[in-house]
Amino acid sequence: MSFESFENINNNSPRKANLALMILFTVAAMASLAFLPFAGFAGLAFLPVPAALLLSLNRYRDAAICAIAGIIILFIFNYILALVIIAVIASVAFYYRSIRDKNKKPVYSVLVLAAIFSASVLLYLLLESAITKSNAFTQIVAAYGESVKSIFSGQFLDQMSSMMLLDRAQLDAAALQTRDILLFLPKLLPGILVVFFSLTGLLNYYFSYPFFKRHGVTLAKPAAFIEWDLPWYYCWGAIAAIACIIVPGFDKSYDGIIDLAGYNLLIIFGVLYLVLGISVLWGLMERFKVRNPVRIFILIIIFLFFGFLIILPVLGLIDIWANFRKLNRSQ
């Protein structure tokens, strides 16, 4: 049986075919979330979109079927996670249903969506803790720490030393430094999660807008990527992050608290200005009519070399005052 065109989604005749296609999209998003960990936020961002569209079209039963059928296989592996994902899909879907035709600002919607995705972590930890009658967060962190320490055990280093042309002392020093970095990562989790779920909320809105528009559901139009901008006072977040990292160097009593806050703020505002820097660079290349393959090649080169990568956040920060793209900013 062939699937009907998306244009017929509001008609009664192709309802089953369209529902099947929505379920297929949900399954594909679930698969990308499971098997593409580095692009998982994209799969998570698209996961609620089909059910949200059906709900916005007042097809409540079809939306429920789409959400459950799309992730039903996950119940076999982790029913708690499956329940949390259903809660996320339902929350996102009802949010879009509530703002349909209301012209809510995209920035507001992205913040709400990011909050919904963030709340899913807390919900999972609460459910896991309640069912296992233990602190799920501390257990996860402890298991992570033990895994990192076991990876860098003496037996593992002996095997690596026999395979690599490195002196054992050099290998031990490199392994110790890598282990310390990995053990430090959980302390950066707040900043990493803020970035992850903010990107997820942003992508969800940008996925939803054309998807909904095609089927007659009106959402406020988001800004084009080359027009992304930030108010000038956001720079104080980056300044505060740098200050928090520097201060413990002068007064050790702040070490361990202030510096951690600084590192997390640096992750958040660093990524924020990194994305803005890419937008500025893309806009400049568009002004000079640089072809898309060349633009992509330039970005790949920048990301391959860390020294060049620092240029992008700086470019985004300078653009606040220089306005390289000649944006029409309200004063």
Protein backbone atom coordinates (compact mmCIF):
# COMPACT_ATOMS: atom_id res chain seq x y z
CA MET A 1 0.00 0.00 0.00
CA SER A 2 1.45 3.36 -1.02
CA PHE A 3 1.28 6.35 1.27
CA GLU A 4 -0.81 9.31 0.17
CA SER A 5 0.49 12.82 -0.22
CA PHE A 6 0.98 14.98 2.84
CA GLU A 7 -1.41 17.49 1.28
CA ASN A 8 -4.31 15.12 2.02
CA ILE A 9 -3.63 14.82 5.73
CA ASN A 10 -6.81 16.73 6.65
CA ASN A 11 -9.06 14.54 4.49
CA ASN A 12 -10.85 11.52 5.88
CA SER A 13 -9.98 9.10 3.08
CA PRO A 14 -6.22 8.74 3.63
CA ARG A 15 -6.28 8.87 7.48
CA LYS A 16 -4.77 5.41 7.96
CA ALA A 17 -2.03 5.99 5.40
CA ASN A 18 -1.12 9.36 6.91
CA LEU A 19 -1.14 7.95 10.43
CA ALA A 20 1.17 5.17 9.29
CA LEU A 21 3.54 7.74 7.83
CA MET A 22 3.51 9.76 11.08
CA ILE A 23 4.32 6.57 13.02
CA LEU A 24 7.15 5.84 10.57
CA PHE A 25 8.60 9.30 11.19
CA THR A 26 8.39 8.77 14.95
CA VAL A 27 10.13 5.39 14.70
CA ALA A 28 12.87 6.91 12.54
CA ALA A 29 13.42 9.69 15.08
CA MET A 30 13.54 7.12 17.88
CA ALA A 31 16.09 5.05 15.94
CA SER A 32 18.33 8.09 15.35
CA LEU A 33 18.11 8.93 19.05
CA ALA A 34 19.22 5.41 19.96
CA PHE A 35 21.91 4.79 17.35
CA LEU A 36 23.32 8.27 16.64
CA PRO A 37 24.43 9.46 20.10
CA PHE A 38 26.33 12.54 18.87
CA ALA A 39 23.29 13.71 16.91
CA GLY A 40 20.79 12.47 19.46
CA PHE A 41 19.40 15.92 20.13
CA ALA A 42 18.20 16.07 16.50
CA GLY A 43 16.31 12.78 16.88
CA LEU A 44 14.88 13.88 20.23
CA ALA A 45 13.90 17.24 18.71
CA PHE A 46 11.94 15.64 15.86
CA LEU A 47 10.42 12.83 17.96
CA PRO A 48 7.33 14.76 19.18
CA VAL A 49 6.66 16.57 15.89
CA PRO A 50 4.37 14.00 14.15
CA ALA A 51 2.16 13.52 17.22
CA ALA A 52 2.10 17.29 17.83
CA LEU A 53 0.93 17.86 14.26
CA LEU A 54 -1.88 15.29 14.59
CA LEU A 55 -2.98 16.81 17.90
CA SER A 56 -2.96 20.32 16.41
CA LEU A 57 -5.27 18.98 13.70
CA ASN A 58 -7.64 17.78 16.46
CA ARG A 59 -6.86 14.12 15.73
CA TYR A 60 -6.44 13.18 19.40
CA ARG A 61 -6.74 9.42 19.00
CA ASP A 62 -4.31 9.35 16.08
CA ALA A 63 -1.83 11.48 18.06
CA ALA A 64 -1.96 9.01 20.97
CA ILE A 65 -1.54 6.03 18.62
CA CYS A 66 1.39 7.73 16.87
CA ALA A 67 3.19 8.52 20.14
CA ILE A 68 2.76 5.02 21.63
CA ALA A 69 3.32 2.99 18.45
CA GLY A 70 6.40 5.00 17.55
CA ILE A 71 8.28 4.07 20.72
CA ILE A 72 6.54 0.86 21.78
CA ILE A 73 9.67 -1.25 21.24
CA LEU A 74 11.45 0.85 23.89
CA PHE A 75 9.15 -0.64 26.55
CA ILE A 76 11.03 -3.93 26.09
CA PHE A 77 14.37 -2.40 27.06
CA ASN A 78 13.47 0.38 29.52
CA TYR A 79 9.82 0.99 30.32
CA ILE A 80 10.64 3.95 32.60
CA LEU A 81 12.42 5.77 29.78
CA ALA A 82 9.54 4.91 27.44
CA LEU A 83 7.03 6.47 29.84
CA VAL A 84 9.18 9.60 30.15
CA ILE A 85 9.42 9.96 26.37
CA ILE A 86 5.64 9.61 26.05
CA ALA A 87 5.28 12.36 28.66
CA VAL A 88 7.66 14.57 26.64
CA ILE A 89 5.77 13.94 23.39
CA ALA A 90 2.45 14.70 25.11
CA SER A 91 3.78 17.90 26.71
CA VAL A 92 5.27 19.21 23.46
CA ALA A 93 2.14 18.26 21.51
CA PHE A 94 -0.22 20.01 23.93
CA TYR A 95 2.03 23.08 23.99
CA TYR A 96 1.81 23.40 20.20
CA ARG A 97 -1.93 22.79 20.43
CA SER A 98 -2.21 25.66 22.92
CA ILE A 99 -0.25 28.18 20.79
CA ARG A 100 -1.84 27.25 17.47
CA ASP A 101 -2.77 30.42 15.56
CA LYS A 102 -1.69 32.62 18.51
CA ASN A 103 1.53 33.98 16.98
CA LYS A 104 3.66 33.35 20.08
CA LYS A 105 7.22 34.64 19.77
CA PRO A 106 9.60 31.85 18.63
CA VAL A 107 12.11 32.73 21.40
CA TYR A 108 9.43 32.15 24.03
CA SER A 109 8.42 28.84 22.45
CA VAL A 110 12.02 27.64 22.24
CA LEU A 111 12.52 28.39 25.95
CA VAL A 112 9.33 26.52 26.87
CA LEU A 113 10.30 23.54 24.71
CA ALA A 114 13.81 23.49 26.21
CA ALA A 115 12.25 23.48 29.69
CA ILE A 116 10.00 20.55 28.73
CA PHE A 117 12.94 18.52 27.44
CA SER A 118 15.00 19.44 30.53
CA ALA A 119 12.19 18.35 32.84
CA SER A 120 12.34 14.90 31.26
CA VAL A 121 15.69 14.26 32.98
CA LEU A 122 14.26 15.13 36.39
CA LEU A 123 11.18 13.03 35.70
CA TYR A 124 13.31 10.03 34.73
CA LEU A 125 15.49 10.36 37.85
CA LEU A 126 12.44 10.68 40.10
CA LEU A 127 10.70 7.64 38.58
CA GLU A 128 13.88 5.57 38.63
CA SER A 129 14.56 6.52 42.26
CA ALA A 130 10.98 5.80 43.32
CA ILE A 131 10.88 2.38 41.65
CA THR A 132 14.37 1.23 42.73
CA LYS A 133 14.06 2.98 46.14
CA SER A 134 17.52 4.50 45.75
CA ASN A 135 19.09 7.73 44.54
CA ALA A 136 19.32 7.17 40.80
CA PHE A 137 21.54 10.21 40.19
CA THR A 138 24.25 9.21 42.67
CA GLN A 139 24.16 5.64 41.38
CA ILE A 140 24.65 6.81 37.79
CA VAL A 141 27.53 9.12 38.77
CA ALA A 142 29.16 6.39 40.87
CA ALA A 143 28.82 3.82 38.07
CA TYR A 144 30.33 6.31 35.63
CA GLY A 145 33.29 6.93 37.95
CA GLU A 146 33.93 3.22 38.43
CA SER A 147 33.76 2.64 34.66
CA VAL A 148 36.31 5.37 33.99
CA LYS A 149 38.68 4.02 36.64
CA SER A 150 38.36 0.46 35.33
CA ILE A 151 39.14 1.60 31.79
CA PHE A 152 42.45 3.06 32.93
CA SER A 153 43.44 0.07 35.06
CA GLY A 154 46.96 -1.35 35.00
CA GLN A 155 45.97 -4.29 32.79
CA PHE A 156 44.47 -1.98 30.19
CA LEU A 157 47.58 0.23 30.18
CA ASP A 158 49.81 -2.84 29.80
CA GLN A 159 47.88 -3.86 26.69
CA MET A 160 48.00 -0.33 25.28
CA SER A 161 51.74 -0.08 25.97
CA SER A 162 52.38 -3.26 24.00
CA MET A 163 50.36 -1.96 21.04
CA MET A 164 51.69 1.61 20.92
CA LEU A 165 55.20 2.94 20.46
CA LEU A 166 55.11 4.92 23.69
CA ASP A 167 57.20 4.77 26.82
CA ARG A 168 55.19 3.39 29.75
CA ALA A 169 55.85 6.53 31.80
CA GLN A 170 54.50 8.71 28.98
CA LEU A 171 51.46 6.45 28.59
CA ASP A 172 50.78 6.56 32.35
CA ALA A 173 50.97 10.35 32.37
CA ALA A 174 48.62 10.67 29.37
CA ALA A 175 46.20 8.11 30.85
CA LEU A 176 46.16 9.89 34.22
CA GLN A 177 45.41 13.23 32.59
CA THR A 178 42.63 11.72 30.44
CA ARG A 179 41.13 9.94 33.46
CA ASP A 180 41.08 13.17 35.50
CA ILE A 181 39.32 15.00 32.64
CA LEU A 182 36.69 12.26 32.33
CA LEU A 183 36.11 12.22 36.10
CA PHE A 184 35.68 16.01 36.02
CA LEU A 185 32.99 15.87 33.31
CA PRO A 186 30.02 15.17 35.68
CA LYS A 187 30.73 18.53 37.34
CA LEU A 188 30.14 20.17 33.96
CA LEU A 189 26.84 18.36 33.48
CA PRO A 190 24.61 21.39 34.23
CA GLY A 191 26.20 23.44 31.45
CA ILE A 192 26.23 20.51 29.03
CA LEU A 193 22.55 19.73 29.69
CA VAL A 194 21.51 23.38 29.27
CA VAL A 195 23.24 23.46 25.87
CA PHE A 196 21.87 20.07 24.84
CA PHE A 197 18.23 20.81 25.69
CA SER A 198 18.39 24.37 24.35
CA LEU A 199 19.58 23.02 21.00
CA THR A 200 16.87 20.36 21.18
CA GLY A 201 14.15 22.96 21.81
CA LEU A 202 15.52 25.17 19.02
CA LEU A 203 15.63 22.33 16.49
CA ASN A 204 12.17 21.15 17.52
CA TYR A 205 10.67 24.54 16.67
CA TYR A 206 12.57 24.78 13.38
CA PHE A 207 11.45 21.24 12.47
CA SER A 208 7.86 21.94 13.47
CA TYR A 209 7.38 25.27 11.67
CA PRO A 210 7.62 24.02 8.03
CA PHE A 211 5.96 20.73 8.96
CA PHE A 212 2.97 22.49 10.50
CA LYS A 213 2.82 25.25 7.88
CA ARG A 214 2.48 22.71 5.10
CA HIS A 215 -0.68 21.40 6.72
CA GLY A 216 -2.32 24.70 7.57
CA VAL A 217 -1.26 25.05 11.22
CA THR A 218 0.06 28.54 11.86
CA LEU A 219 3.11 29.18 14.04
CA ALA A 220 5.17 32.36 14.32
CA LYS A 221 7.91 32.34 11.71
CA PRO A 222 11.40 31.87 13.21
CA ALA A 223 14.30 34.06 12.10
CA ALA A 224 16.54 32.86 9.28
CA PHE A 225 19.88 31.48 10.49
CA ILE A 226 21.89 34.39 9.07
CA GLU A 227 19.65 36.81 11.03
CA TRP A 228 20.17 35.22 14.44
CA ASP A 229 21.17 37.84 16.98
CA LEU A 230 21.60 38.44 20.70
CA PRO A 231 21.07 41.53 22.87
CA TRP A 232 24.34 43.23 23.79
CA TYR A 233 23.94 42.55 27.53
CA TYR A 234 24.34 38.79 27.02
CA CYS A 235 28.07 39.46 26.90
CA TRP A 236 27.97 39.85 30.69
CA GLY A 237 27.35 36.12 30.93
CA ALA A 238 30.62 35.40 29.12
CA ILE A 239 32.43 38.00 31.25
CA ALA A 240 31.02 36.46 34.45
CA ALA A 241 32.16 33.00 33.32
CA ILE A 242 35.74 34.19 32.74
CA ALA A 243 35.76 36.09 36.05
CA CYS A 244 34.57 33.01 37.97
CA ILE A 245 37.40 30.94 36.49
CA ILE A 246 40.05 33.58 37.21
CA VAL A 247 39.01 34.51 40.79
CA PRO A 248 40.03 31.19 42.47
CA GLY A 249 43.55 31.81 41.18
CA PHE A 250 43.80 34.73 43.59
CA ASP A 251 41.77 33.30 46.49
CA LYS A 252 41.79 29.51 46.98
CA SER A 253 38.77 29.68 49.31
CA TYR A 254 36.58 30.06 46.21
CA ASP A 255 38.14 27.07 44.48
CA GLY A 256 35.67 24.25 43.80
CA ILE A 257 32.53 26.38 43.78
CA ILE A 258 33.10 29.59 41.88
CA ASP A 259 35.32 27.96 39.26
CA LEU A 260 32.74 25.22 38.60
CA ALA A 261 30.08 27.87 38.09
CA GLY A 262 32.51 29.61 35.73
CA TYR A 263 33.18 26.49 33.67
CA ASN A 264 29.45 25.77 33.32
CA LEU A 265 28.70 29.37 32.35
CA LEU A 266 31.57 29.24 29.87
CA ILE A 267 30.06 26.16 28.21
CA ILE A 268 26.64 27.83 27.93
CA PHE A 269 27.77 31.24 26.68
CA GLY A 270 30.67 29.79 24.70
CA VAL A 271 28.30 27.64 22.66
CA LEU A 272 25.86 30.55 22.39
CA TYR A 273 28.46 32.84 20.86
CA LEU A 274 29.92 29.98 18.82
CA VAL A 275 26.56 29.50 17.10
CA LEU A 276 26.23 33.26 16.69
CA GLY A 277 29.73 33.38 15.19
CA ILE A 278 28.78 30.71 12.64
CA SER A 279 25.69 32.77 11.78
CA VAL A 280 27.84 35.90 11.31
CA LEU A 281 30.39 34.07 9.18
CA TRP A 282 27.65 32.45 7.06
CA GLY A 283 26.00 35.83 6.57
CA LEU A 284 29.28 37.43 5.49
CA MET A 285 29.95 34.62 3.03
CA GLU A 286 26.44 35.01 1.64
CA ARG A 287 27.01 38.75 1.16
CA PHE A 288 30.15 38.01 -0.86
CA LYS A 289 28.26 35.28 -2.76
CA VAL A 290 30.52 32.43 -1.68
CA ARG A 291 29.17 29.12 -2.95
CA ASN A 292 27.67 26.73 -0.40
CA PRO A 293 30.26 23.94 -0.87
CA VAL A 294 33.03 26.47 -0.20
CA ARG A 295 31.21 27.75 2.90
CA ILE A 296 30.89 24.22 4.27
CA PHE A 297 34.55 23.50 3.51
CA ILE A 298 35.62 26.65 5.39
CA LEU A 299 33.55 25.68 8.42
CA ILE A 300 34.99 22.15 8.41
CA ILE A 301 38.53 23.55 8.36
CA ILE A 302 37.70 25.89 11.25
CA PHE A 303 36.26 23.06 13.34
CA LEU A 304 39.24 20.79 12.64
CA PHE A 305 41.69 23.27 14.13
CA PHE A 306 41.03 24.42 17.69
CA GLY A 307 42.97 27.65 17.18
CA PHE A 308 40.63 28.66 14.37
CA LEU A 309 37.56 27.51 16.34
CA ILE A 310 38.13 30.22 18.97
CA ILE A 311 37.65 32.82 16.23
CA LEU A 312 33.93 32.05 15.88
CA PRO A 313 32.79 32.97 19.44
CA VAL A 314 34.97 36.08 19.27
CA LEU A 315 33.40 36.97 15.92
CA GLY A 316 29.93 36.52 17.40
CA LEU A 317 30.84 38.70 20.37
CA ILE A 318 32.31 41.49 18.24
CA ASP A 319 29.28 41.46 15.91
CA ILE A 320 27.13 42.75 18.78
CA TRP A 321 28.77 46.15 18.30
CA ALA A 322 30.26 45.91 14.79
CA ASN A 323 27.04 44.54 13.18
CA PHE A 324 28.90 42.94 10.27
CA ARG A 325 25.66 41.68 8.75
CA LYS A 326 24.00 45.14 8.83
CA LEU A 327 20.99 43.82 10.76
CA ASN A 328 18.16 46.19 11.51
CA ARG A 329 18.48 46.24 15.30
CA SER A 330 16.08 48.15 17.50
CA GLN A 331 17.87 50.48 19.89
